[in-house]
Full PDB file with SEQRES, HELIX, SHEET, SSBOND, CRYST1, ORIGX, SCALE, CONECT and MASTER records, all heavy atoms in Angstrom:
SEQRES   1 A   41  ARG SER PRO SER PRO ASP MET ALA LEU PHE GLY ILE ARG          
SEQRES   2 A   41  ILE HIS SER ALA ILE VAL PRO ALA VAL VAL MET LEU ILE          
SEQRES   3 A   41  ALA THR LEU LEU PHE TRP ARG LEU TYR ASP LEU THR PRO          
SEQRES   4 A   41  GLU LYS                                                      
HELIX    1 AA1 PRO A    5  ARG A   13  1                                   9    
HELIX    2 AA2 ILE A   14  ILE A   18  3                                   5    
HELIX    3 AA3 VAL A   19  LEU A   34  1                                  16    
CRYST1    1.000    1.000    1.000  90.00  90.00  90.00 P 1           1          
ORIGX1      1.000000  0.000000  0.000000        0.00000                         
ORIGX2      0.000000  1.000000  0.000000        0.00000                         
ORIGX3      0.000000  0.000000  1.000000        0.00000                         
SCALE1      1.000000  0.000000  0.000000        0.00000                         
SCALE2      0.000000  1.000000  0.000000        0.00000                         
SCALE3      0.000000  0.000000  1.000000        0.00000                         
ATOM      1  N   ARG A   1     122.815-102.139 104.640  1.00  0.00           N  
ATOM      2  CA  ARG A   1     122.106-102.207 105.925  1.00  0.00           C  
ATOM      3  C   ARG A   1     121.671-103.601 106.337  1.00  0.00           C  
ATOM      4  O   ARG A   1     121.418-103.854 107.538  1.00  0.00           O  
ATOM      5  CB  ARG A   1     120.876-101.281 105.884  1.00  0.00           C  
ATOM      6  CG  ARG A   1     121.226 -99.818 105.678  1.00  0.00           C  
ATOM      7  CD  ARG A   1     119.981 -98.967 105.470  1.00  0.00           C  
ATOM      8  NE  ARG A   1     119.010 -99.165 106.538  1.00  0.00           N  
ATOM      9  CZ  ARG A   1     117.785 -98.662 106.500  1.00  0.00           C  
ATOM     10  NH1 ARG A   1     117.410 -97.933 105.452  1.00  0.00           N  
ATOM     11  NH2 ARG A   1     116.946 -98.857 107.495  1.00  0.00           N  
ATOM     12  N   SER A   2     121.582-104.530 105.378  1.00  0.00           N  
ATOM     13  CA  SER A   2     121.102-105.877 105.716  1.00  0.00           C  
ATOM     14  C   SER A   2     122.236-106.722 106.325  1.00  0.00           C  
ATOM     15  O   SER A   2     123.371-106.681 105.834  1.00  0.00           O  
ATOM     16  CB  SER A   2     120.581-106.568 104.462  1.00  0.00           C  
ATOM     17  OG  SER A   2     120.285-107.932 104.749  1.00  0.00           O  
ATOM     18  N   PRO A   3     121.935-107.480 107.398  1.00  0.00           N  
ATOM     19  CA  PRO A   3     122.969-108.373 107.963  1.00  0.00           C  
ATOM     20  C   PRO A   3     123.271-109.563 107.044  1.00  0.00           C  
ATOM     21  O   PRO A   3     124.322-110.156 107.182  1.00  0.00           O  
ATOM     22  CB  PRO A   3     122.328-108.829 109.264  1.00  0.00           C  
ATOM     23  CG  PRO A   3     120.843-108.718 108.996  1.00  0.00           C  
ATOM     24  CD  PRO A   3     120.656-107.532 108.136  1.00  0.00           C  
ATOM     25  N   SER A   4     122.404-109.824 106.109  1.00  0.00           N  
ATOM     26  CA  SER A   4     122.617-110.977 105.169  1.00  0.00           C  
ATOM     27  C   SER A   4     122.040-110.623 103.815  1.00  0.00           C  
ATOM     28  O   SER A   4     121.005-111.115 103.431  1.00  0.00           O  
ATOM     29  CB  SER A   4     121.958-112.240 105.742  1.00  0.00           C  
ATOM     30  OG  SER A   4     120.567-111.990 106.016  1.00  0.00           O  
ATOM     31  N   PRO A   5     122.733-109.717 103.047  1.00  0.00           N  
ATOM     32  CA  PRO A   5     122.163-109.241 101.783  1.00  0.00           C  
ATOM     33  C   PRO A   5     121.916-110.347 100.758  1.00  0.00           C  
ATOM     34  O   PRO A   5     120.931-110.281 100.023  1.00  0.00           O  
ATOM     35  CB  PRO A   5     123.197-108.216 101.305  1.00  0.00           C  
ATOM     36  CG  PRO A   5     124.449-108.534 102.058  1.00  0.00           C  
ATOM     37  CD  PRO A   5     124.015-109.047 103.377  1.00  0.00           C  
ATOM     38  N   ASP A   6     122.790-111.314 100.683  1.00  0.00           N  
ATOM     39  CA  ASP A   6     122.557-112.429  99.724  1.00  0.00           C  
ATOM     40  C   ASP A   6     121.293-113.178 100.026  1.00  0.00           C  
ATOM     41  O   ASP A   6     120.517-113.553  99.117  1.00  0.00           O  
ATOM     42  CB  ASP A   6     123.764-113.386  99.708  1.00  0.00           C  
ATOM     43  CG  ASP A   6     125.001-112.748  99.076  1.00  0.00           C  
ATOM     44  OD1 ASP A   6     124.847-111.758  98.322  1.00  0.00           O  
ATOM     45  OD2 ASP A   6     126.111-113.216  99.358  1.00  0.00           O  
ATOM     46  N   MET A   7     121.064-113.454 101.333  1.00  0.00           N  
ATOM     47  CA  MET A   7     119.843-114.163 101.719  1.00  0.00           C  
ATOM     48  C   MET A   7     118.626-113.266 101.481  1.00  0.00           C  
ATOM     49  O   MET A   7     117.558-113.733 101.051  1.00  0.00           O  
ATOM     50  CB  MET A   7     119.907-114.547 103.201  1.00  0.00           C  
ATOM     51  CG  MET A   7     120.736-115.793 103.487  1.00  0.00           C  
ATOM     52  SD  MET A   7     120.029-117.251 102.647  1.00  0.00           S  
ATOM     53  CE  MET A   7     118.471-117.372 103.485  1.00  0.00           C  
ATOM     54  N   ALA A   8     118.771-111.963 101.715  1.00  0.00           N  
ATOM     55  CA  ALA A   8     117.651-111.055 101.483  1.00  0.00           C  
ATOM     56  C   ALA A   8     117.256-111.037 100.007  1.00  0.00           C  
ATOM     57  O   ALA A   8     116.083-111.024  99.655  1.00  0.00           O  
ATOM     58  CB  ALA A   8     118.026-109.641 101.928  1.00  0.00           C  
ATOM     59  N   LEU A   9     118.245-111.124  99.116  1.00  0.00           N  
ATOM     60  CA  LEU A   9     117.972-111.150  97.681  1.00  0.00           C  
ATOM     61  C   LEU A   9     117.335-112.464  97.263  1.00  0.00           C  
ATOM     62  O   LEU A   9     116.442-112.526  96.457  1.00  0.00           O  
ATOM     63  CB  LEU A   9     119.248-110.909  96.880  1.00  0.00           C  
ATOM     64  CG  LEU A   9     119.843-109.502  97.027  1.00  0.00           C  
ATOM     65  CD1 LEU A   9     121.181-109.403  96.290  1.00  0.00           C  
ATOM     66  CD2 LEU A   9     118.889-108.451  96.528  1.00  0.00           C  
ATOM     67  N   PHE A  10     117.815-113.562  97.867  1.00  0.00           N  
ATOM     68  CA  PHE A  10     117.210-114.873  97.550  1.00  0.00           C  
ATOM     69  C   PHE A  10     115.766-114.919  98.092  1.00  0.00           C  
ATOM     70  O   PHE A  10     114.893-115.563  97.507  1.00  0.00           O  
ATOM     71  CB  PHE A  10     118.030-116.027  98.140  1.00  0.00           C  
ATOM     72  CG  PHE A  10     117.464-117.381  97.768  1.00  0.00           C  
ATOM     73  CD1 PHE A  10     117.564-117.841  96.469  1.00  0.00           C  
ATOM     74  CD2 PHE A  10     116.837-118.165  98.730  1.00  0.00           C  
ATOM     75  CE1 PHE A  10     117.037-119.090  96.126  1.00  0.00           C  
ATOM     76  CE2 PHE A  10     116.316-119.398  98.386  1.00  0.00           C  
ATOM     77  CZ  PHE A  10     116.414-119.857  97.105  1.00  0.00           C  
ATOM     78  N   GLY A  11     115.488-114.233  99.197  1.00  0.00           N  
ATOM     79  CA  GLY A  11     114.161-114.161  99.735  1.00  0.00           C  
ATOM     80  C   GLY A  11     113.161-113.602  98.726  1.00  0.00           C  
ATOM     81  O   GLY A  11     112.023-114.001  98.674  1.00  0.00           O  
ATOM     82  N   ILE A  12     113.630-112.629  97.912  1.00  0.00           N  
ATOM     83  CA  ILE A  12     112.757-112.078  96.893  1.00  0.00           C  
ATOM     84  C   ILE A  12     112.375-113.153  95.872  1.00  0.00           C  
ATOM     85  O   ILE A  12     111.236-113.210  95.424  1.00  0.00           O  
ATOM     86  CB  ILE A  12     113.460-110.876  96.193  1.00  0.00           C  
ATOM     87  CG1 ILE A  12     113.644-109.747  97.195  1.00  0.00           C  
ATOM     88  CG2 ILE A  12     112.625-110.398  94.981  1.00  0.00           C  
ATOM     89  CD1 ILE A  12     114.475-108.596  96.655  1.00  0.00           C  
ATOM     90  N   ARG A  13     113.319-114.048  95.561  1.00  0.00           N  
ATOM     91  CA  ARG A  13     112.987-115.152  94.649  1.00  0.00           C  
ATOM     92  C   ARG A  13     112.011-116.131  95.307  1.00  0.00           C  
ATOM     93  O   ARG A  13     111.178-116.747  94.628  1.00  0.00           O  
ATOM     94  CB  ARG A  13     114.248-115.882  94.226  1.00  0.00           C  
ATOM     95  CG  ARG A  13     115.197-115.025  93.386  1.00  0.00           C  
ATOM     96  CD  ARG A  13     116.392-115.822  92.876  1.00  0.00           C  
ATOM     97  NE  ARG A  13     117.347-114.945  92.209  1.00  0.00           N  
ATOM     98  CZ  ARG A  13     117.280-114.609  90.916  1.00  0.00           C  
ATOM     99  NH1 ARG A  13     116.275-115.065  90.160  1.00  0.00           N  
ATOM    100  NH2 ARG A  13     118.194-113.813  90.398  1.00  0.00           N  
ATOM    101  N   ILE A  14     112.103-116.252  96.613  1.00  0.00           N  
ATOM    102  CA  ILE A  14     111.163-117.173  97.311  1.00  0.00           C  
ATOM    103  C   ILE A  14     109.739-116.677  97.156  1.00  0.00           C  
ATOM    104  O   ILE A  14     108.839-117.456  96.792  1.00  0.00           O  
ATOM    105  CB  ILE A  14     111.532-117.269  98.830  1.00  0.00           C  
ATOM    106  CG1 ILE A  14     112.894-117.998  98.996  1.00  0.00           C  
ATOM    107  CG2 ILE A  14     110.444-118.005  99.580  1.00  0.00           C  
ATOM    108  CD1 ILE A  14     113.386-118.036 100.413  1.00  0.00           C  
ATOM    109  N   HIS A  15     109.514-115.378  97.392  1.00  0.00           N  
ATOM    110  CA  HIS A  15     108.123-114.902  97.310  1.00  0.00           C  
ATOM    111  C   HIS A  15     107.729-114.504  95.878  1.00  0.00           C  
ATOM    112  O   HIS A  15     106.569-114.303  95.600  1.00  0.00           O  
ATOM    113  CB  HIS A  15     107.835-113.759  98.280  1.00  0.00           C  
ATOM    114  CG  HIS A  15     108.618-112.511  98.122  1.00  0.00           C  
ATOM    115  ND1 HIS A  15     108.476-111.653  97.089  1.00  0.00           N  
ATOM    116  CD2 HIS A  15     109.560-111.942  98.944  1.00  0.00           C  
ATOM    117  CE1 HIS A  15     109.259-110.606  97.241  1.00  0.00           C  
ATOM    118  NE2 HIS A  15     109.949-110.753  98.343  1.00  0.00           N  
ATOM    119  N   SER A  16     108.700-114.471  94.957  1.00  0.00           N  
ATOM    120  CA  SER A  16     108.337-114.184  93.568  1.00  0.00           C  
ATOM    121  C   SER A  16     108.024-115.465  92.792  1.00  0.00           C  
ATOM    122  O   SER A  16     107.153-115.412  91.904  1.00  0.00           O  
ATOM    123  CB  SER A  16     109.521-113.498  92.850  1.00  0.00           C  
ATOM    124  OG  SER A  16     109.848-112.280  93.461  1.00  0.00           O  
ATOM    125  N   ALA A  17     108.673-116.572  93.092  1.00  0.00           N  
ATOM    126  CA  ALA A  17     108.573-117.754  92.246  1.00  0.00           C  
ATOM    127  C   ALA A  17     108.333-119.052  93.012  1.00  0.00           C  
ATOM    128  O   ALA A  17     107.465-119.832  92.635  1.00  0.00           O  
ATOM    129  CB  ALA A  17     109.826-117.869  91.382  1.00  0.00           C  
ATOM    130  N   ILE A  18     109.077-119.295  94.083  1.00  0.00           N  
ATOM    131  CA  ILE A  18     109.011-120.594  94.732  1.00  0.00           C  
ATOM    132  C   ILE A  18     107.678-120.808  95.404  1.00  0.00           C  
ATOM    133  O   ILE A  18     106.990-121.834  95.181  1.00  0.00           O  
ATOM    134  CB  ILE A  18     110.181-120.746  95.740  1.00  0.00           C  
ATOM    135  CG1 ILE A  18     111.525-120.738  95.022  1.00  0.00           C  
ATOM    136  CG2 ILE A  18     110.007-122.040  96.524  1.00  0.00           C  
ATOM    137  CD1 ILE A  18     112.727-120.765  95.916  1.00  0.00           C  
ATOM    138  N   VAL A  19     107.240-119.854  96.243  1.00  0.00           N  
ATOM    139  CA  VAL A  19     105.972-120.006  96.915  1.00  0.00           C  
ATOM    140  C   VAL A  19     104.807-120.065  95.931  1.00  0.00           C  
ATOM    141  O   VAL A  19     103.913-120.925  96.009  1.00  0.00           O  
ATOM    142  CB  VAL A  19     105.752-118.887  97.940  1.00  0.00           C  
ATOM    143  CG1 VAL A  19     104.319-118.916  98.499  1.00  0.00           C  
ATOM    144  CG2 VAL A  19     106.768-119.042  99.096  1.00  0.00           C  
ATOM    145  N   PRO A  20     104.758-119.151  94.898  1.00  0.00           N  
ATOM    146  CA  PRO A  20     103.643-119.237  93.915  1.00  0.00           C  
ATOM    147  C   PRO A  20     103.605-120.596  93.195  1.00  0.00           C  
ATOM    148  O   PRO A  20     102.513-121.092  92.936  1.00  0.00           O  
ATOM    149  CB  PRO A  20     103.978-118.093  92.946  1.00  0.00           C  
ATOM    150  CG  PRO A  20     104.747-117.106  93.747  1.00  0.00           C  
ATOM    151  CD  PRO A  20     105.568-117.947  94.700  1.00  0.00           C  
ATOM    152  N   ALA A  21     104.761-121.152  92.857  1.00  0.00           N  
ATOM    153  CA  ALA A  21     104.782-122.440  92.158  1.00  0.00           C  
ATOM    154  C   ALA A  21     104.186-123.544  93.042  1.00  0.00           C  
ATOM    155  O   ALA A  21     103.395-124.335  92.553  1.00  0.00           O  
ATOM    156  CB  ALA A  21     106.225-122.789  91.758  1.00  0.00           C  
ATOM    157  N   VAL A  22     104.557-123.551  94.308  1.00  0.00           N  
ATOM    158  CA  VAL A  22     104.069-124.593  95.221  1.00  0.00           C  
ATOM    159  C   VAL A  22     102.531-124.444  95.422  1.00  0.00           C  
ATOM    160  O   VAL A  22     101.787-125.412  95.372  1.00  0.00           O  
ATOM    161  CB  VAL A  22     104.807-124.530  96.554  1.00  0.00           C  
ATOM    162  CG1 VAL A  22     104.170-125.477  97.586  1.00  0.00           C  
ATOM    163  CG2 VAL A  22     106.277-124.894  96.380  1.00  0.00           C  
ATOM    164  N   VAL A  23     102.103-123.211  95.666  1.00  0.00           N  
ATOM    165  CA  VAL A  23     100.684-122.949  95.897  1.00  0.00           C  
ATOM    166  C   VAL A  23      99.870-123.340  94.666  1.00  0.00           C  
ATOM    167  O   VAL A  23      98.786-124.008  94.758  1.00  0.00           O  
ATOM    168  CB  VAL A  23     100.431-121.491  96.293  1.00  0.00           C  
ATOM    169  CG1 VAL A  23      98.943-121.182  96.294  1.00  0.00           C  
ATOM    170  CG2 VAL A  23     101.052-121.194  97.617  1.00  0.00           C  
ATOM    171  N   MET A  24     100.343-122.943  93.482  1.00  0.00           N  
ATOM    172  CA  MET A  24      99.601-123.236  92.237  1.00  0.00           C  
ATOM    173  C   MET A  24      99.559-124.740  91.974  1.00  0.00           C  
ATOM    174  O   MET A  24      98.521-125.253  91.490  1.00  0.00           O  
ATOM    175  CB  MET A  24     100.273-122.524  91.060  1.00  0.00           C  
ATOM    176  CG  MET A  24      99.487-122.556  89.786  1.00  0.00           C  
ATOM    177  SD  MET A  24      97.934-121.612  89.940  1.00  0.00           S  
ATOM    178  CE  MET A  24      96.810-122.583  88.883  1.00  0.00           C  
ATOM    179  N   LEU A  25     100.614-125.472  92.263  1.00  0.00           N  
ATOM    180  CA  LEU A  25     100.589-126.932  92.053  1.00  0.00           C  
ATOM    181  C   LEU A  25      99.547-127.591  92.982  1.00  0.00           C  
ATOM    182  O   LEU A  25      98.772-128.436  92.515  1.00  0.00           O  
ATOM    183  CB  LEU A  25     101.982-127.484  92.326  1.00  0.00           C  
ATOM    184  CG  LEU A  25     102.128-129.006  92.206  1.00  0.00           C  
ATOM    185  CD1 LEU A  25     101.794-129.483  90.790  1.00  0.00           C  
ATOM    186  CD2 LEU A  25     103.526-129.460  92.654  1.00  0.00           C  
ATOM    187  N   ILE A  26      99.559-127.233  94.229  1.00  0.00           N  
ATOM    188  CA  ILE A  26      98.590-127.810  95.165  1.00  0.00           C  
ATOM    189  C   ILE A  26      97.154-127.474  94.741  1.00  0.00           C  
ATOM    190  O   ILE A  26      96.291-128.344  94.740  1.00  0.00           O  
ATOM    191  CB  ILE A  26      98.852-127.299  96.591  1.00  0.00           C  
ATOM    192  CG1 ILE A  26     100.224-127.850  97.076  1.00  0.00           C  
ATOM    193  CG2 ILE A  26      97.748-127.740  97.517  1.00  0.00           C  
ATOM    194  CD1 ILE A  26     100.664-127.222  98.406  1.00  0.00           C  
ATOM    195  N   ALA A  27      96.934-126.224  94.332  1.00  0.00           N  
ATOM    196  CA  ALA A  27      95.599-125.791  93.934  1.00  0.00           C  
ATOM    197  C   ALA A  27      95.114-126.547  92.701  1.00  0.00           C  
ATOM    198  O   ALA A  27      93.959-126.961  92.639  1.00  0.00           O  
ATOM    199  CB  ALA A  27      95.580-124.305  93.671  1.00  0.00           C  
ATOM    200  N   THR A  28      96.009-126.763  91.754  1.00  0.00           N  
ATOM    201  CA  THR A  28      95.623-127.467  90.513  1.00  0.00           C  
ATOM    202  C   THR A  28      95.295-128.928  90.814  1.00  0.00           C  
ATOM    203  O   THR A  28      94.315-129.466  90.274  1.00  0.00           O  
ATOM    204  CB  THR A  28      96.763-127.400  89.493  1.00  0.00           C  
ATOM    205  OG1 THR A  28      97.110-126.035  89.265  1.00  0.00           O  
ATOM    206  CG2 THR A  28      96.352-128.019  88.172  1.00  0.00           C  
ATOM    207  N   LEU A  29      96.040-129.577  91.672  1.00  0.00           N  
ATOM    208  CA  LEU A  29      95.786-130.953  92.050  1.00  0.00           C  
ATOM    209  C   LEU A  29      94.430-131.096  92.769  1.00  0.00           C  
ATOM    210  O   LEU A  29      93.667-132.023  92.531  1.00  0.00           O  
ATOM    211  CB  LEU A  29      96.932-131.510  92.891  1.00  0.00           C  
ATOM    212  CG  LEU A  29      98.271-131.681  92.156  1.00  0.00           C  
ATOM    213  CD1 LEU A  29      99.362-132.074  93.158  1.00  0.00           C  
ATOM    214  CD2 LEU A  29      98.158-132.712  91.063  1.00  0.00           C  
ATOM    215  N   LEU A  30      94.146-130.131  93.653  1.00  0.00           N  
ATOM    216  CA  LEU A  30      92.877-130.181  94.358  1.00  0.00           C  
ATOM    217  C   LEU A  30      91.709-129.923  93.413  1.00  0.00           C  
ATOM    218  O   LEU A  30      90.640-130.554  93.543  1.00  0.00           O  
ATOM    219  CB  LEU A  30      92.863-129.148  95.502  1.00  0.00           C  
ATOM    220  CG  LEU A  30      93.768-129.491  96.703  1.00  0.00           C  
ATOM    221  CD1 LEU A  30      93.817-128.344  97.688  1.00  0.00           C  
ATOM    222  CD2 LEU A  30      93.278-130.775  97.400  1.00  0.00           C  
ATOM    223  N   PHE A  31      91.884-129.013  92.472  1.00  0.00           N  
ATOM    224  CA  PHE A  31      90.846-128.774  91.466  1.00  0.00           C  
ATOM    225  C   PHE A  31      90.594-130.069  90.675  1.00  0.00           C  
ATOM    226  O   PHE A  31      89.423-130.429  90.404  1.00  0.00           O  
ATOM    227  CB  PHE A  31      91.293-127.664  90.527  1.00  0.00           C  
ATOM    228  CG  PHE A  31      90.353-127.378  89.378  1.00  0.00           C  
ATOM    229  CD1 PHE A  31      89.228-126.632  89.549  1.00  0.00           C  
ATOM    230  CD2 PHE A  31      90.612-127.906  88.113  1.00  0.00           C  
ATOM    231  CE1 PHE A  31      88.371-126.369  88.465  1.00  0.00           C  
ATOM    232  CE2 PHE A  31      89.768-127.680  87.043  1.00  0.00           C  
ATOM    233  CZ  PHE A  31      88.636-126.924  87.219  1.00  0.00           C  
ATOM    234  N   TRP A  32      91.613-130.742  90.272  1.00  0.00           N  
ATOM    235  CA  TRP A  32      91.501-132.005  89.547  1.00  0.00           C  
ATOM    236  C   TRP A  32      90.672-133.009  90.341  1.00  0.00           C  
ATOM    237  O   TRP A  32      89.871-133.746  89.789  1.00  0.00           O  
ATOM    238  CB  TRP A  32      92.917-132.566  89.330  1.00  0.00           C  
ATOM    239  CG  TRP A  32      93.009-133.687  88.337  1.00  0.00           C  
ATOM    240  CD1 TRP A  32      92.005-134.355  87.722  1.00  0.00           C  
ATOM    241  CD2 TRP A  32      94.212-134.249  87.811  1.00  0.00           C  
ATOM    242  NE1 TRP A  32      92.486-135.307  86.888  1.00  0.00           N  
ATOM    243  CE2 TRP A  32      93.825-135.280  86.906  1.00  0.00           C  
ATOM    244  CE3 TRP A  32      95.572-133.991  88.033  1.00  0.00           C  
ATOM    245  CZ2 TRP A  32      94.771-136.053  86.253  1.00  0.00           C  
ATOM    246  CZ3 TRP A  32      96.498-134.788  87.353  1.00  0.00           C  
ATOM    247  CH2 TRP A  32      96.111-135.789  86.462  1.00  0.00           C  
ATOM    248  N   ARG A  33      90.879-133.042  91.651  1.00  0.00           N  
ATOM    249  CA  ARG A  33      90.189-133.989  92.497  1.00  0.00           C  
ATOM    250  C   ARG A  33      88.707-133.619  92.754  1.00  0.00           C  
ATOM    251  O   ARG A  33      87.837-134.470  92.780  1.00  0.00           O  
ATOM    252  CB  ARG A  33      90.898-134.067  93.857  1.00  0.00           C  
ATOM    253  CG  ARG A  33      90.264-135.007  94.879  1.00  0.00           C  
ATOM    254  CD  ARG A  33      90.424-136.455  94.468  1.00  0.00           C  
ATOM    255  NE  ARG A  33      89.852-137.348  95.481  1.00  0.00           N  
ATOM    256  CZ  ARG A  33      88.568-137.684  95.557  1.00  0.00           C  
ATOM    257  NH1 ARG A  33      87.702-137.196  94.700  1.00  0.00           N  
ATOM    258  NH2 ARG A  33      88.168-138.500  96.512  1.00  0.00           N  
ATOM    259  N   LEU A  34      88.403-132.317  92.903  1.00  0.00           N  
ATOM    260  CA  LEU A  34      87.086-131.907  93.358  1.00  0.00           C  
ATOM    261  C   LEU A  34      86.130-131.505  92.257  1.00  0.00           C  
ATOM    262  O   LEU A  34      84.916-131.675  92.382  1.00  0.00           O  
ATOM    263  CB  LEU A  34      87.227-130.708  94.348  1.00  0.00           C  
ATOM    264  CG  LEU A  34      87.972-131.001  95.656  1.00  0.00           C  
ATOM    265  CD1 LEU A  34      88.195-129.716  96.420  1.00  0.00           C  
ATOM    266  CD2 LEU A  34      87.188-131.994  96.502  1.00  0.00           C  
ATOM    267  N   TYR A  35      86.649-130.920  91.183  1.00  0.00           N  
ATOM    268  CA  TYR A  35      85.806-130.349  90.145  1.00  0.00           C  
ATOM    269  C   TYR A  35      85.522-131.398  89.056  1.00  0.00           C  
ATOM    270  O   TYR A  35      86.441-131.792  88.356  1.00  0.00           O  
ATOM    271  CB  TYR A  35      86.485-129.108  89.536  1.00  0.00           C  
ATOM    272  CG  TYR A  35      85.628-128.299  88.605  1.00  0.00           C  
ATOM    273  CD1 TYR A  35      84.869-127.227  89.092  1.00  0.00           C  
ATOM    274  CD2 TYR A  35      85.540-128.592  87.254  1.00  0.00           C  
ATOM    275  CE1 TYR A  35      84.092-126.475  88.239  1.00  0.00           C  
ATOM    276  CE2 TYR A  35      84.767-127.825  86.388  1.00  0.00           C  
ATOM    277  CZ  TYR A  35      84.062-126.789  86.874  1.00  0.00           C  
ATOM    278  OH  TYR A  35      83.271-126.017  86.032  1.00  0.00           O  
ATOM    279  N   ASP A  36      84.283-131.838  88.942  1.00  0.00           N  
ATOM    280  CA  ASP A  36      83.973-132.938  88.038  1.00  0.00           C  
ATOM    281  C   ASP A  36      82.924-132.572  87.011  1.00  0.00           C  
ATOM    282  O   ASP A  36      82.209-133.444  86.490  1.00  0.00           O  
ATOM    283  CB  ASP A  36      83.502-134.160  88.816  1.00  0.00           C  
ATOM    284  CG  ASP A  36      82.212-133.935  89.610  1.00  0.00           C  
ATOM    285  OD1 ASP A  36      81.795-132.753  89.695  1.00  0.00           O  
ATOM    286  OD2 ASP A  36      81.632-134.906  90.102  1.00  0.00           O  
ATOM    287  N   LEU A  37      82.799-131.276  86.686  1.00  0.00           N  
ATOM    288  CA  LEU A  37      81.814-130.872  85.670  1.00  0.00           C  
ATOM    289  C   LEU A  37      82.361-131.131  84.271  1.00  0.00           C  
ATOM    290  O   LEU A  37      83.064-130.301  83.695  1.00  0.00           O  
ATOM    291  CB  LEU A  37      81.449-129.383  85.839  1.00  0.00           C  
ATOM    292  CG  LEU A  37      80.489-129.094  86.991  1.00  0.00           C  
ATOM    293  CD1 LEU A  37      80.250-127.593  87.106  1.00  0.00           C  
ATOM    294  CD2 LEU A  37      79.172-129.817  86.821  1.00  0.00           C  
ATOM    295  N   THR A  38      82.042-132.293  83.739  1.00  0.00           N  
ATOM    296  CA  THR A  38      82.452-132.653  82.403  1.00  0.00           C  
ATOM    297  C   THR A  38      81.574-131.970  81.376  1.00  0.00           C  
ATOM    298  O   THR A  38      80.503-131.444  81.693  1.00  0.00           O  
ATOM    299  CB  THR A  38      82.350-134.173  82.232  1.00  0.00           C  
ATOM    300  OG1 THR A  38      80.966-134.573  82.402  1.00  0.00           O  
ATOM    301  CG2 THR A  38      83.217-134.916  83.255  1.00  0.00           C  
ATOM    302  N   PRO A  39      81.951-131.995  80.075  1.00  0.00           N  
ATOM    303  CA  PRO A  39      81.076-131.386  79.063  1.00  0.00           C  
ATOM    304  C   PRO A  39      79.675-131.971  79.040  1.00  0.00           C  
ATOM    305  O   PRO A  39      78.706-131.229  78.816  1.00  0.00           O  
ATOM    306  CB  PRO A  39      81.821-131.694  77.754  1.00  0.00           C  
ATOM    307  CG  PRO A  39      83.263-131.787  78.146  1.00  0.00           C  
ATOM    308  CD  PRO A  39      83.241-132.431  79.523  1.00  0.00           C  
ATOM    309  N   GLU A  40      79.565-133.280  79.276  1.00  0.00           N  
ATOM    310  CA  GLU A  40      78.260-133.911  79.285  1.00  0.00           C  
ATOM    311  C   GLU A  40      77.358-133.352  80.412  1.00  0.00           C  
ATOM    312  O   GLU A  40      76.163-133.051  80.224  1.00  0.00           O  
ATOM    313  CB  GLU A  40      78.393-135.433  79.459  1.00  0.00           C  
ATOM    314  CG  GLU A  40      78.985-136.138  78.240  1.00  0.00           C  
ATOM    315  CD  GLU A  40      80.494-135.927  78.111  1.00  0.00           C  
ATOM    316  OE1 GLU A  40      81.121-135.582  79.150  1.00  0.00           O  
ATOM    317  OE2 GLU A  40      81.030-136.081  77.000  1.00  0.00           O  
ATOM    318  N   LYS A  41      77.944-133.179  81.597  1.00  0.00           N  
ATOM    319  CA  LYS A  41      77.200-132.644  82.723  1.00  0.00           C  
ATOM    320  C   LYS A  41      76.818-131.167  82.481  1.00  0.00           C  
ATOM    321  O   LYS A  41      75.696-130.740  82.819  1.00  0.00           O  
ATOM    322  CB  LYS A  41      77.993-132.780  84.014  1.00  0.00           C  
ATOM    323  CG  LYS A  41      78.194-134.220  84.471  1.00  0.00           C  
ATOM    324  CD  LYS A  41      79.054-134.294  85.725  1.00  0.00           C  
ATOM    325  CE  LYS A  41      79.244-135.717  86.143  1.00  0.00           C  
ATOM    326  NZ  LYS A  41      80.116-135.832  87.364  1.00  0.00           N  
TER     327      LYS A  41                                                      
MASTER        0    0    0    3    0    0    0    6  326    1    0    4          
END                                                                             
């Protein structure tokens, strides 16, 4: 039924792995920048 079954299958990989990897990388870098509670603090 899909007009582009190969693309539809690759789309599953986009929302399974590619988008989560990008979002997690950005979130980790922002945490590194903003969160400064060291053990001493």
